[in-house]
Amino acid sequence: MMWELLQITILRTNSKIVGTHTFRKFFQPPNSHHLKLSKRSLWLSQIFLQRIPTLTLL
């Protein structure tokens, strides 16, 4: 409860700064570097999953 009240107070105090930063970050399109990392991690996870032997039910 105290934590929530503290957060509300901070947001009220810095509403313009917090609001501007939040909306800018929310509506900003992802950059290409992030997309490249996402595609690479997806590719690596697919390779990893292909190499795990499948379990057979007895």
N, C-alpha and C. Protein backbone atom coordinates (compact mmCIF):
# COMPACT_ATOMS: atom_id res chain seq x y z
N MET A 1 0.82 -1.19 0.00
CA MET A 1 0.00 0.00 0.00
C MET A 1 0.87 1.26 0.00
N MET A 2 1.86 1.28 0.87
CA MET A 2 2.75 2.44 0.90
C MET A 2 3.51 2.58 -0.41
N TRP A 3 3.90 1.44 -0.99
CA TRP A 3 4.62 1.47 -2.26
C TRP A 3 3.76 2.10 -3.35
N GLU A 4 2.47 1.72 -3.39
CA GLU A 4 1.57 2.28 -4.39
C GLU A 4 1.40 3.78 -4.19
N LEU A 5 1.26 4.21 -2.95
CA LEU A 5 1.11 5.64 -2.69
C LEU A 5 2.36 6.41 -3.10
N LEU A 6 3.52 5.82 -2.83
CA LEU A 6 4.78 6.46 -3.23
C LEU A 6 4.86 6.58 -4.75
N GLN A 7 4.47 5.51 -5.46
CA GLN A 7 4.51 5.54 -6.92
C GLN A 7 3.56 6.59 -7.48
N ILE A 8 2.36 6.68 -6.90
CA ILE A 8 1.38 7.68 -7.35
C ILE A 8 1.93 9.09 -7.14
N THR A 9 2.56 9.30 -5.99
CA THR A 9 3.15 10.62 -5.70
C THR A 9 4.24 10.96 -6.69
N ILE A 10 5.10 9.98 -6.99
CA ILE A 10 6.19 10.21 -7.95
C ILE A 10 5.62 10.51 -9.33
N LEU A 11 4.62 9.76 -9.75
CA LEU A 11 4.03 9.99 -11.07
C LEU A 11 3.35 11.35 -11.15
N ARG A 12 2.69 11.75 -10.08
CA ARG A 12 2.06 13.07 -10.07
C ARG A 12 3.11 14.17 -10.12
N THR A 13 4.20 13.97 -9.40
CA THR A 13 5.25 14.98 -9.35
C THR A 13 5.93 15.13 -10.71
N ASN A 14 6.19 14.01 -11.36
CA ASN A 14 6.94 14.03 -12.62
C ASN A 14 6.04 13.66 -13.80
N SER A 15 4.77 14.03 -13.75
CA SER A 15 3.83 13.55 -14.76
C SER A 15 4.23 13.92 -16.18
N LYS A 16 4.72 15.11 -16.40
CA LYS A 16 5.07 15.50 -17.76
C LYS A 16 6.27 14.70 -18.26
N ILE A 17 7.28 14.56 -17.43
CA ILE A 17 8.49 13.82 -17.84
C ILE A 17 8.17 12.35 -18.05
N VAL A 18 7.50 11.74 -17.08
CA VAL A 18 7.18 10.31 -17.16
C VAL A 18 6.24 10.04 -18.32
N GLY A 19 5.22 10.88 -18.47
CA GLY A 19 4.26 10.68 -19.56
C GLY A 19 4.92 10.79 -20.92
N THR A 20 5.75 11.79 -21.11
CA THR A 20 6.43 11.97 -22.39
C THR A 20 7.34 10.79 -22.69
N HIS A 21 8.10 10.36 -21.70
CA HIS A 21 9.03 9.25 -21.90
C HIS A 21 8.27 7.96 -22.20
N THR A 22 7.19 7.70 -21.46
CA THR A 22 6.42 6.47 -21.65
C THR A 22 5.81 6.42 -23.05
N PHE A 23 5.15 7.51 -23.46
CA PHE A 23 4.50 7.50 -24.77
C PHE A 23 5.51 7.45 -25.90
N ARG A 24 6.64 8.12 -25.75
CA ARG A 24 7.65 8.08 -26.79
C ARG A 24 8.17 6.66 -26.95
N LYS A 25 8.42 5.99 -25.84
CA LYS A 25 8.95 4.63 -25.89
C LYS A 25 7.90 3.66 -26.43
N PHE A 26 6.63 3.88 -26.08
CA PHE A 26 5.56 2.98 -26.50
C PHE A 26 5.30 3.07 -28.00
N PHE A 27 5.28 4.29 -28.54
CA PHE A 27 4.94 4.47 -29.94
C PHE A 27 6.14 4.44 -30.87
N GLN A 28 7.33 4.40 -30.34
CA GLN A 28 8.53 4.39 -31.18
C GLN A 28 8.67 3.03 -31.85
N PRO A 29 8.85 2.99 -33.17
CA PRO A 29 9.02 1.70 -33.84
C PRO A 29 10.34 1.06 -33.43
N PRO A 30 10.38 -0.27 -33.37
CA PRO A 30 11.63 -0.93 -32.99
C PRO A 30 12.71 -0.68 -34.03
N ASN A 31 13.94 -0.55 -33.58
CA ASN A 31 15.02 -0.31 -34.52
C ASN A 31 15.49 -1.62 -35.15
N SER A 32 16.21 -1.52 -36.24
CA SER A 32 16.60 -2.70 -37.00
C SER A 32 17.57 -3.57 -36.21
N HIS A 33 18.39 -2.97 -35.35
CA HIS A 33 19.34 -3.75 -34.55
C HIS A 33 18.60 -4.72 -33.64
N HIS A 34 17.51 -4.25 -33.03
CA HIS A 34 16.71 -5.10 -32.15
C HIS A 34 16.07 -6.24 -32.95
N LEU A 35 15.58 -5.93 -34.14
CA LEU A 35 14.96 -6.96 -34.97
C LEU A 35 15.97 -8.01 -35.39
N LYS A 36 17.20 -7.58 -35.71
CA LYS A 36 18.23 -8.54 -36.09
C LYS A 36 18.54 -9.48 -34.94
N LEU A 37 18.63 -8.94 -33.73
CA LEU A 37 18.90 -9.78 -32.57
C LEU A 37 17.75 -10.75 -32.32
N SER A 38 16.52 -10.29 -32.51
CA SER A 38 15.37 -11.15 -32.30
C SER A 38 15.35 -12.30 -33.30
N LYS A 39 15.64 -11.99 -34.57
CA LYS A 39 15.65 -13.04 -35.59
C LYS A 39 16.76 -14.04 -35.31
N ARG A 40 17.91 -13.55 -34.88
CA ARG A 40 19.03 -14.44 -34.59
C ARG A 40 18.71 -15.34 -33.40
N SER A 41 18.13 -14.80 -32.35
CA SER A 41 17.80 -15.63 -31.19
C SER A 41 16.73 -16.65 -31.54
N LEU A 42 15.77 -16.28 -32.39
CA LEU A 42 14.76 -17.24 -32.83
C LEU A 42 15.40 -18.36 -33.64
N TRP A 43 16.31 -18.01 -34.52
CA TRP A 43 17.01 -18.99 -35.34
C TRP A 43 17.81 -19.95 -34.46
N LEU A 44 18.54 -19.41 -33.47
CA LEU A 44 19.34 -20.24 -32.57
C LEU A 44 18.46 -21.16 -31.74
N SER A 45 17.32 -20.67 -31.28
CA SER A 45 16.44 -21.52 -30.49
C SER A 45 15.85 -22.64 -31.34
N GLN A 46 15.56 -22.38 -32.61
CA GLN A 46 15.05 -23.43 -33.49
C GLN A 46 16.10 -24.51 -33.70
N ILE A 47 17.35 -24.11 -33.90
CA ILE A 47 18.42 -25.09 -34.08
C ILE A 47 18.58 -25.91 -32.81
N PHE A 48 18.54 -25.26 -31.66
CA PHE A 48 18.68 -25.96 -30.39
C PHE A 48 17.57 -26.99 -30.21
N LEU A 49 16.33 -26.59 -30.52
CA LEU A 49 15.21 -27.51 -30.35
C LEU A 49 15.27 -28.68 -31.33
N GLN A 50 15.83 -28.47 -32.51
CA GLN A 50 15.95 -29.56 -33.48
C GLN A 50 16.96 -30.60 -33.02
N ARG A 51 17.95 -30.18 -32.25
CA ARG A 51 18.99 -31.10 -31.82
C ARG A 51 18.62 -31.90 -30.58
N ILE A 52 17.58 -31.49 -29.88
CA ILE A 52 17.14 -32.24 -28.70
C ILE A 52 16.41 -33.49 -29.19
N PRO A 53 16.82 -34.67 -28.73
CA PRO A 53 16.12 -35.88 -29.18
C PRO A 53 14.68 -35.88 -28.65
N THR A 54 13.79 -36.36 -29.46
CA THR A 54 12.39 -36.39 -29.05
C THR A 54 12.17 -37.52 -28.05
N LEU A 55 11.30 -37.27 -27.11
CA LEU A 55 11.00 -38.27 -26.09
C LEU A 55 9.89 -39.18 -26.60
N THR A 56 10.04 -40.44 -26.35
CA THR A 56 9.00 -41.39 -26.75
C THR A 56 8.28 -41.88 -25.52
N LEU A 57 7.01 -42.01 -25.62
CA LEU A 57 6.22 -42.50 -24.49
C LEU A 57 6.27 -44.02 -24.46
N LEU A 58 6.45 -44.58 -23.30
CA LEU A 58 6.52 -46.04 -23.16
C LEU A 58 5.15 -46.62 -22.94
